[in-house]
Amino acid sequence: MELVYGWVEGPAAWWQARIDSWREWQENRRRRRAAEAKSAKVRPERPVAEKRSAVADAGGIPVVPLHDEAPPWTAKRAAVETEELVEEPGEIEEENEEIPIRALEEPPWEKPLAPKPVQEQEPGRRRKERSGRAYIMPATSLLNEVPPRNPYDEQELKETAAKIKSKFEEFNVLGSVVQINPGPVVTTFEYKPDAGIKYNKITNLAEDLCLGLQCESVLIERIPGKPTVGIEVPNKRRELISLRQVLESEEFQSSASKLTITMGKDISGRIKVATLETMPHVLIAGSTGAGKSVMLNTLIMSLLYKATPEEVRLIMVDPKRVELGIYEGIPHLLTPVITEPKKATYALRNAVLEMERRLKLLAAQSVRNIEQYNKKVRQLMATPRSLFDQEEVNPEIEELRPLPFLVIIIDELAD
């Protein structure tokens, strides 16, 4: 037994010394905390600005005050962690990092376009209406002036970006907002996830992000060509897009097509136009109040500001008698606005016959579309005919005239 006690006595003494040291450390910590709590009631807290200046003076490394003295066996570990913190100061990020915000684009045209007669497309000829008078394009000053653009609040955008980041961090999705693109209706926040974060994990948080941002809906999509994810958040104050601004834009004015229509602006605020040649069959659908009538009127106004009656003809069908009646009497109408369903059937049947007739004309001239046909007809009309030519002139060639585009607009097609 004496051998056993002698063998256990050494380790037992060592453990007793460790326990006494730990109890002494706990007692010292309790006394230190009591002293600090007593002094905190008398000494005011340092302002945040002084704390940040202290961090800046320390070379950008935040100095964390140690309220508790570390136990003896953790002193070496604390020293190693301090060395690692000093060696890599660049990994520490500031709390309020600057996020670049793309500036809004200004309207390209400052003055309204004045009315001007149609430019001559043939040498020595002047495009005239059937009445014999030259058609004058309408001026954009007839439309309402462009409303002032709503300036965005940079602080509000940065706060929204911080909410997006914190909401993702609640679900262990780490990353940061690297770019903010304000738009007329929605603002796109470019979110760059950290390595190892799946794209599906971000898209599955769309509903939770709506709750966090207190908005109706949020759209999350990939941005082509970038390692970021676009988060589209609706603006609290939407920008009113004016038709006059789009008609006066360089995109609309520089378009060579006579069937150019305005589409508005994209999410980045850039003006977008399109041509009906690339989409000859358009169906405008949507719920009540979605803007179907606004889109239809925008399409018609775009054609009136782009083409003359000799270049584009319109057939309008309005069963409700209230939508298209305002266009009654314009020179572009091929027939008065049709309000009876039976007459609309006759008009569509005649349009099919006209289509078949035009296909035969295109085949006879070995062309594929109306642009090529009109170009060839103008060349034939501009070619002078010799007075000494003994050959008989083909009467079909004498009757050739440029063909206008025919656009059929039907409101309430289901009726």
Protein backbone atom coordinates (compact mmCIF):
# COMPACT_ATOMS: atom_id res chain seq x y z
CA MET A 1 0.00 0.00 0.00
CA GLU A 2 2.84 2.37 0.72
CA LEU A 3 4.06 1.86 -2.84
CA VAL A 4 0.59 2.72 -4.16
CA TYR A 5 0.34 5.86 -2.05
CA GLY A 6 3.80 6.88 -3.13
CA TRP A 7 2.91 6.39 -6.78
CA VAL A 8 -0.36 8.41 -6.52
CA GLU A 9 1.03 11.16 -4.31
CA GLY A 10 2.92 12.91 -7.14
CA PRO A 11 0.00 13.27 -9.65
CA ALA A 12 -2.40 14.13 -6.84
CA ALA A 13 -0.18 16.98 -5.70
CA TRP A 14 0.05 18.28 -9.28
CA TRP A 15 -3.74 18.22 -9.75
CA GLN A 16 -4.24 19.90 -6.37
CA ALA A 17 -1.88 22.69 -7.43
CA ARG A 18 -3.83 23.16 -10.69
CA ILE A 19 -7.14 23.29 -8.81
CA ASP A 20 -5.79 25.85 -6.34
CA SER A 21 -4.49 27.95 -9.26
CA TRP A 22 -7.86 27.81 -10.99
CA ARG A 23 -9.72 28.84 -7.82
CA GLU A 24 -7.30 31.71 -7.29
CA TRP A 25 -7.84 32.84 -10.91
CA GLN A 26 -11.63 32.77 -10.41
CA GLU A 27 -11.38 34.84 -7.24
CA ASN A 28 -9.15 37.41 -8.97
CA ARG A 29 -11.56 37.61 -11.89
CA ARG A 30 -14.54 38.19 -9.56
CA ARG A 31 -12.70 40.98 -7.76
CA ARG A 32 -11.62 42.58 -11.04
CA ARG A 33 -15.17 42.54 -12.43
CA ALA A 34 -16.53 44.09 -9.26
CA ALA A 35 -13.92 46.86 -9.46
CA GLU A 36 -14.68 47.53 -13.15
CA ALA A 37 -18.43 47.63 -12.54
CA LYS A 38 -17.90 50.14 -9.76
CA SER A 39 -15.66 52.35 -11.93
CA ALA A 40 -18.04 52.13 -14.93
CA LYS A 41 -20.74 53.91 -12.95
CA VAL A 42 -18.45 56.90 -12.42
CA ARG A 43 -16.50 56.98 -15.74
CA PRO A 44 -18.58 57.88 -18.88
CA GLU A 45 -18.31 55.61 -21.92
CA ARG A 46 -15.97 56.71 -24.70
CA PRO A 47 -17.71 58.06 -27.82
CA VAL A 48 -17.86 55.88 -30.91
CA ALA A 49 -15.77 58.39 -32.88
CA GLU A 50 -12.92 58.10 -30.34
CA LYS A 51 -13.08 54.31 -30.53
CA ARG A 52 -12.82 54.42 -34.33
CA SER A 53 -9.91 56.87 -34.13
CA ALA A 54 -8.19 54.52 -31.73
CA VAL A 55 -8.68 51.72 -34.23
CA ALA A 56 -7.24 53.89 -37.02
CA ASP A 57 -4.23 54.81 -34.88
CA ALA A 58 -3.58 51.13 -34.33
CA GLY A 59 -3.05 50.62 -38.06
CA GLY A 60 -6.61 49.50 -38.83
CA ILE A 61 -6.49 46.63 -36.29
CA PRO A 62 -9.25 46.81 -33.68
CA VAL A 63 -7.87 46.57 -30.15
CA VAL A 64 -10.17 44.49 -27.96
CA PRO A 65 -9.80 45.33 -24.23
CA LEU A 66 -9.30 42.22 -22.13
CA HIS A 67 -11.58 42.55 -19.10
CA ASP A 68 -10.60 39.12 -17.83
CA GLU A 69 -7.10 37.92 -17.31
CA ALA A 70 -6.59 34.68 -19.15
CA PRO A 71 -5.75 31.58 -17.11
CA PRO A 72 -2.13 30.47 -17.18
CA TRP A 73 -2.64 27.50 -19.50
CA THR A 74 -4.30 29.71 -22.22
CA ALA A 75 -1.65 32.41 -22.31
CA LYS A 76 0.30 30.70 -25.09
CA ARG A 77 -2.83 30.26 -27.24
CA ALA A 78 -3.78 33.93 -26.84
CA ALA A 79 -0.28 34.96 -27.89
CA VAL A 80 -0.53 32.86 -31.08
CA GLU A 81 -3.94 34.35 -31.98
CA THR A 82 -2.59 37.88 -31.44
CA GLU A 83 0.32 37.19 -33.79
CA GLU A 84 -2.07 35.90 -36.49
CA LEU A 85 -4.20 39.04 -36.10
CA VAL A 86 -1.20 41.29 -36.55
CA GLU A 87 0.13 39.38 -39.54
CA GLU A 88 -3.12 39.64 -41.57
CA PRO A 89 -4.58 43.12 -41.07
CA GLY A 90 -5.96 43.22 -44.63
CA GLU A 91 -8.64 40.62 -43.95
CA ILE A 92 -10.51 42.87 -41.54
CA GLU A 93 -13.28 44.82 -43.32
CA GLU A 94 -14.87 48.05 -42.26
CA GLU A 95 -18.44 47.93 -41.06
CA ASN A 96 -19.69 50.66 -43.42
CA GLU A 97 -17.95 49.82 -46.69
CA GLU A 98 -18.76 51.95 -49.70
CA ILE A 99 -21.05 50.31 -52.28
CA PRO A 100 -20.89 51.84 -55.77
CA ILE A 101 -24.22 53.19 -57.03
CA ARG A 102 -24.67 53.62 -60.77
CA ALA A 103 -25.77 57.14 -61.72
CA LEU A 104 -29.06 57.65 -63.56
CA GLU A 105 -28.85 58.42 -67.26
CA GLU A 106 -30.08 61.83 -68.33
CA PRO A 107 -32.57 62.19 -71.22
CA PRO A 108 -30.63 62.55 -74.49
CA TRP A 109 -32.90 65.24 -75.96
CA GLU A 110 -33.48 68.51 -74.15
CA LYS A 111 -35.66 70.35 -76.70
CA PRO A 112 -38.83 69.09 -78.39
CA LEU A 113 -38.60 68.11 -82.00
CA ALA A 114 -40.22 70.68 -84.26
CA PRO A 115 -42.66 69.56 -86.95
CA LYS A 116 -41.03 69.05 -90.31
CA PRO A 117 -42.23 67.91 -93.71
CA VAL A 118 -41.44 64.41 -94.85
CA GLN A 119 -38.01 64.11 -96.42
CA GLU A 120 -37.88 63.24 -100.09
CA GLN A 121 -36.94 59.63 -100.63
CA GLU A 122 -36.72 59.87 -104.43
CA PRO A 123 -34.62 62.33 -106.47
CA GLY A 124 -36.82 65.02 -107.99
CA ARG A 125 -39.99 63.75 -106.31
CA ARG A 126 -41.94 64.93 -103.29
CA ARG A 127 -44.03 62.54 -101.23
CA LYS A 128 -47.58 63.80 -101.22
CA GLU A 129 -50.81 62.72 -99.69
CA ARG A 130 -53.76 61.74 -101.87
CA SER A 131 -55.16 65.23 -101.44
CA GLY A 132 -51.99 66.61 -103.04
CA ARG A 133 -50.57 68.28 -99.92
CA ALA A 134 -47.31 67.24 -98.28
CA TYR A 135 -47.81 65.40 -95.01
CA ILE A 136 -46.21 67.12 -92.01
CA MET A 137 -45.15 64.92 -89.13
CA PRO A 138 -46.67 65.90 -85.75
CA ALA A 139 -44.48 67.75 -83.27
CA THR A 140 -43.57 66.24 -79.92
CA SER A 141 -44.54 69.52 -78.25
CA LEU A 142 -48.16 68.35 -78.57
CA LEU A 143 -47.44 65.78 -75.86
CA ASN A 144 -47.07 66.44 -72.15
CA GLU A 145 -43.68 67.56 -70.94
CA VAL A 146 -41.28 65.08 -69.43
CA PRO A 147 -41.80 64.98 -65.63
CA PRO A 148 -38.73 65.50 -63.45
CA ARG A 149 -36.92 62.32 -62.48
CA ASN A 150 -37.22 61.18 -58.88
CA PRO A 151 -33.77 61.38 -57.26
CA TYR A 152 -32.85 58.26 -55.37
CA ASP A 153 -31.81 58.33 -51.73
CA GLU A 154 -28.29 56.90 -51.40
CA GLN A 155 -28.67 56.29 -47.68
CA GLU A 156 -31.92 54.40 -48.24
CA LEU A 157 -30.32 52.21 -50.91
CA LYS A 158 -27.37 51.40 -48.64
CA GLU A 159 -29.71 50.53 -45.79
CA THR A 160 -31.62 48.16 -48.09
CA ALA A 161 -28.31 46.55 -49.11
CA ALA A 162 -27.43 46.07 -45.43
CA LYS A 163 -30.83 44.45 -44.80
CA ILE A 164 -30.28 42.03 -47.69
CA LYS A 165 -26.88 41.03 -46.35
CA SER A 166 -28.09 40.56 -42.78
CA LYS A 167 -31.15 38.58 -43.89
CA PHE A 168 -28.99 36.17 -45.86
CA GLU A 169 -26.60 35.80 -42.93
CA GLU A 170 -29.51 34.63 -40.76
CA PHE A 171 -29.71 31.55 -43.00
CA ASN A 172 -25.91 31.06 -43.19
CA VAL A 173 -25.69 32.54 -46.71
CA LEU A 174 -22.55 34.67 -46.60
CA GLY A 175 -21.69 37.34 -49.16
CA SER A 176 -21.92 41.07 -49.83
CA VAL A 177 -23.65 43.61 -52.09
CA VAL A 178 -21.04 44.90 -54.55
CA GLN A 179 -23.15 47.11 -56.86
CA ILE A 180 -26.47 49.01 -56.77
CA ASN A 181 -28.27 49.83 -60.05
CA PRO A 182 -31.27 52.15 -59.50
CA GLY A 183 -34.01 51.87 -62.13
CA PRO A 184 -37.31 53.61 -62.89
CA VAL A 185 -39.46 50.92 -61.26
CA VAL A 186 -37.07 48.47 -59.55
CA THR A 187 -33.55 48.68 -58.14
CA THR A 188 -31.11 45.85 -58.81
CA PHE A 189 -28.72 44.89 -56.01
CA GLU A 190 -25.77 42.81 -57.24
CA TYR A 191 -25.05 40.26 -54.50
CA LYS A 192 -21.77 38.31 -54.62
CA PRO A 193 -21.96 35.11 -52.54
CA ASP A 194 -18.92 33.63 -50.88
CA ALA A 195 -17.25 30.50 -52.21
CA GLY A 196 -19.25 27.35 -51.59
CA ILE A 197 -22.69 29.02 -51.55
CA LYS A 198 -25.13 27.37 -53.96
CA TYR A 199 -27.34 29.47 -56.24
CA ASN A 200 -30.44 27.47 -55.28
CA LYS A 201 -29.86 28.31 -51.64
CA ILE A 202 -30.15 32.02 -52.51
CA THR A 203 -33.26 31.72 -54.70
CA ASN A 204 -35.07 29.72 -52.03
CA LEU A 205 -34.86 32.73 -49.70
CA ALA A 206 -36.92 35.03 -51.95
CA GLU A 207 -40.04 34.89 -49.75
CA ASP A 208 -38.03 35.41 -46.56
CA LEU A 209 -36.32 38.37 -48.20
CA CYS A 210 -39.73 39.88 -48.99
CA LEU A 211 -40.63 39.71 -45.32
CA GLY A 212 -37.34 41.26 -44.29
CA LEU A 213 -37.57 44.14 -46.79
CA GLN A 214 -41.36 44.56 -46.35
CA CYS A 215 -42.03 44.63 -50.09
CA GLU A 216 -44.55 42.92 -52.36
CA SER A 217 -42.18 40.74 -54.36
CA VAL A 218 -38.48 40.18 -54.99
CA LEU A 219 -36.96 38.69 -58.14
CA ILE A 220 -33.61 36.86 -57.87
CA GLU A 221 -31.79 36.00 -61.11
CA ARG A 222 -28.26 35.40 -62.31
CA ILE A 223 -26.47 38.26 -64.07
CA PRO A 224 -24.89 37.05 -67.33
CA GLY A 225 -21.14 37.54 -67.49
CA LYS A 226 -20.74 38.36 -63.79
CA PRO A 227 -20.12 36.25 -60.67
CA THR A 228 -23.02 38.01 -58.95
CA VAL A 229 -26.73 37.46 -58.41
CA GLY A 230 -29.21 40.22 -59.27
CA ILE A 231 -31.84 40.96 -56.62
CA GLU A 232 -34.59 43.20 -58.03
CA VAL A 233 -36.46 45.14 -55.33
CA PRO A 234 -39.45 47.42 -56.22
CA ASN A 235 -38.90 51.12 -55.61
CA LYS A 236 -41.05 52.91 -53.07
CA ARG A 237 -41.37 55.87 -55.49
CA ARG A 238 -41.77 54.78 -59.10
CA GLU A 239 -40.61 56.94 -61.98
CA LEU A 240 -43.23 58.03 -64.52
CA ILE A 241 -42.02 57.19 -68.04
CA SER A 242 -43.20 59.77 -70.56
CA LEU A 243 -43.99 58.90 -74.19
CA ARG A 244 -42.51 62.21 -75.27
CA GLN A 245 -39.16 61.36 -73.73
CA VAL A 246 -39.01 58.05 -75.62
CA LEU A 247 -40.12 59.59 -78.93
CA GLU A 248 -37.42 62.28 -78.64
CA SER A 249 -34.72 59.76 -77.78
CA GLU A 250 -31.89 58.92 -80.14
CA GLU A 251 -32.90 55.25 -80.17
CA PHE A 252 -36.29 56.06 -81.68
CA GLN A 253 -35.14 58.79 -84.04
CA SER A 254 -32.24 56.78 -85.46
CA SER A 255 -34.36 53.70 -86.21
CA ALA A 256 -34.77 53.27 -89.97
CA SER A 257 -37.88 51.08 -89.76
CA LYS A 258 -41.25 52.72 -90.36
CA LEU A 259 -42.82 50.25 -87.92
CA THR A 260 -40.73 51.30 -84.92
CA ILE A 261 -42.63 51.25 -81.63
CA THR A 262 -41.60 52.40 -78.18
CA MET A 263 -41.28 49.80 -75.43
CA GLY A 264 -40.35 52.11 -72.52
CA LYS A 265 -37.28 51.57 -70.33
CA ASP A 266 -35.53 48.51 -68.98
CA ILE A 267 -34.67 47.94 -65.32
CA SER A 268 -31.46 49.94 -65.76
CA GLY A 269 -33.27 53.01 -67.12
CA ARG A 270 -32.18 52.63 -70.76
CA ILE A 271 -34.77 53.42 -73.46
CA LYS A 272 -35.91 50.43 -75.50
CA VAL A 273 -37.59 50.38 -78.92
CA ALA A 274 -38.66 47.53 -81.21
CA THR A 275 -39.93 47.00 -84.76
CA LEU A 276 -43.09 45.22 -85.80
CA GLU A 277 -41.26 43.54 -88.67
CA THR A 278 -39.51 41.28 -86.17
CA MET A 279 -42.81 40.43 -84.42
CA PRO A 280 -45.64 40.61 -86.97
CA HIS A 281 -48.13 38.89 -84.63
CA VAL A 282 -48.40 40.59 -81.22
CA LEU A 283 -50.83 39.62 -78.46
CA ILE A 284 -51.12 42.04 -75.54
CA ALA A 285 -52.53 40.27 -72.48
CA GLY A 286 -52.76 40.99 -68.79
CA SER A 287 -55.06 41.46 -65.83
CA THR A 288 -57.30 44.47 -65.29
CA GLY A 289 -55.24 47.58 -64.65
CA ALA A 290 -52.00 46.03 -65.91
CA GLY A 291 -51.64 48.63 -68.69
CA LYS A 292 -52.94 46.89 -71.83
CA SER A 293 -54.71 50.01 -73.12
CA VAL A 294 -51.67 52.16 -72.38
CA MET A 295 -49.48 49.77 -74.37
CA LEU A 296 -51.95 49.79 -77.28
CA ASN A 297 -52.11 53.59 -77.42
CA THR A 298 -48.33 53.80 -77.17
CA LEU A 299 -48.01 51.46 -80.15
CA ILE A 300 -50.39 53.57 -82.26
CA MET A 301 -48.75 56.87 -81.32
CA SER A 302 -45.33 55.48 -82.20
CA LEU A 303 -46.53 54.62 -85.71
CA LEU A 304 -48.11 58.06 -86.16
CA TYR A 305 -44.85 59.79 -85.18
CA LYS A 306 -42.68 57.55 -87.36
CA ALA A 307 -44.48 56.97 -90.68
CA THR A 308 -46.64 58.88 -93.14
CA PRO A 309 -50.03 57.68 -94.44
CA GLU A 310 -48.30 56.60 -97.66
CA GLU A 311 -45.97 54.33 -95.68
CA VAL A 312 -48.26 52.77 -93.05
CA ARG A 313 -51.99 52.13 -93.14
CA LEU A 314 -54.09 51.11 -90.13
CA ILE A 315 -57.23 49.01 -89.70
CA MET A 316 -58.76 49.42 -86.24
CA VAL A 317 -61.44 47.19 -84.71
CA ASP A 318 -63.03 48.45 -81.49
CA PRO A 319 -66.03 46.38 -80.30
CA LYS A 320 -66.34 48.39 -77.07
CA ARG A 321 -66.51 51.71 -79.05
CA VAL A 322 -64.56 53.57 -76.35
CA GLU A 323 -60.88 52.70 -76.80
CA LEU A 324 -60.00 53.51 -80.42
CA GLY A 325 -62.68 56.08 -81.22
CA ILE A 326 -60.25 58.94 -80.54
CA TYR A 327 -58.31 57.99 -83.69
CA GLU A 328 -61.29 58.44 -85.99
CA GLY A 329 -60.38 60.70 -88.91
CA ILE A 330 -56.59 60.34 -88.88
CA PRO A 331 -55.10 60.05 -92.40
CA HIS A 332 -53.43 56.71 -91.62
CA LEU A 333 -56.76 54.86 -91.43
CA LEU A 334 -57.48 52.60 -94.39
CA THR A 335 -61.12 52.40 -93.28
CA PRO A 336 -63.06 54.11 -90.48
CA VAL A 337 -62.81 52.54 -87.06
CA ILE A 338 -64.85 49.32 -87.14
CA THR A 339 -67.22 48.75 -84.22
CA GLU A 340 -69.50 46.00 -85.59
CA PRO A 341 -68.30 42.37 -85.35
CA LYS A 342 -69.81 41.52 -88.74
CA LYS A 343 -67.96 44.36 -90.45
CA ALA A 344 -64.78 43.29 -88.69
CA THR A 345 -65.15 39.85 -90.30
CA TYR A 346 -65.45 41.43 -93.75
CA ALA A 347 -62.42 43.64 -93.10
CA LEU A 348 -60.27 40.68 -92.05
CA ARG A 349 -61.41 38.70 -95.09
CA ASN A 350 -60.43 41.57 -97.39
CA ALA A 351 -57.09 41.81 -95.59
CA VAL A 352 -56.43 38.16 -96.44
CA LEU A 353 -57.23 38.86 -100.10
CA GLU A 354 -54.86 41.84 -100.06
CA MET A 355 -52.15 39.65 -98.55
CA GLU A 356 -52.53 37.12 -101.35
CA ARG A 357 -52.41 39.88 -103.97
CA ARG A 358 -49.21 41.27 -102.48
CA LEU A 359 -47.59 37.85 -102.42
CA LYS A 360 -48.20 37.59 -106.16
CA LEU A 361 -46.66 41.03 -106.72
CA LEU A 362 -43.59 40.09 -104.70
CA ALA A 363 -43.21 36.86 -106.63
CA ALA A 364 -43.54 38.69 -109.97
CA GLN A 365 -40.71 41.07 -109.03
CA SER A 366 -38.56 38.30 -107.49
CA VAL A 367 -38.37 39.94 -104.06
CA ARG A 368 -39.06 38.60 -100.57
CA ASN A 369 -40.50 41.49 -98.59
CA ILE A 370 -42.14 44.89 -98.93
CA GLU A 371 -38.90 46.84 -98.41
CA GLN A 372 -37.25 45.14 -101.39
CA TYR A 373 -40.39 45.56 -103.47
CA ASN A 374 -40.71 49.29 -102.75
CA LYS A 375 -37.01 49.82 -103.44
CA LYS A 376 -37.30 48.12 -106.82
CA VAL A 377 -40.46 50.04 -107.72
CA ARG A 378 -38.82 53.37 -106.89
CA GLN A 379 -35.86 52.46 -109.08
CA LEU A 380 -38.22 51.68 -111.98
CA MET A 381 -40.13 54.91 -111.43
CA ALA A 382 -36.91 56.96 -111.31
CA THR A 383 -35.51 55.39 -114.51
CA PRO A 384 -36.17 57.77 -117.45
CA ARG A 385 -37.92 56.22 -120.44
CA SER A 386 -36.56 56.84 -123.95
CA LEU A 387 -38.90 58.63 -126.37
CA PHE A 388 -37.49 56.63 -129.29
CA ASP A 389 -38.08 53.23 -127.72
CA GLN A 390 -40.12 51.19 -130.17
CA GLU A 391 -40.96 48.45 -127.67
CA GLU A 392 -44.32 48.52 -126.02
CA VAL A 393 -44.24 49.34 -122.33
CA ASN A 394 -45.68 46.69 -120.03
CA PRO A 395 -48.85 48.18 -118.53
CA GLU A 396 -48.31 46.21 -115.33
CA ILE A 397 -45.00 48.01 -114.73
CA GLU A 398 -46.70 51.36 -115.34
CA GLU A 399 -49.23 50.62 -112.59
CA LEU A 400 -46.63 49.63 -109.99
CA ARG A 401 -46.67 51.82 -106.89
CA PRO A 402 -44.90 51.46 -103.52
CA LEU A 403 -46.93 49.39 -101.08
CA PRO A 404 -47.67 50.73 -97.59
CA PHE A 405 -47.43 48.52 -94.53
CA LEU A 406 -50.81 47.32 -93.31
CA VAL A 407 -51.24 47.11 -89.52
CA ILE A 408 -54.43 45.60 -88.09
CA ILE A 409 -55.24 46.56 -84.48
CA ILE A 410 -58.06 44.69 -82.71
CA ASP A 411 -59.18 45.61 -79.21
CA GLU A 412 -60.86 42.87 -77.15
CA LEU A 413 -60.06 40.05 -79.57
CA ALA A 414 -61.99 37.57 -77.41
CA ASP A 415 -65.25 39.40 -78.17
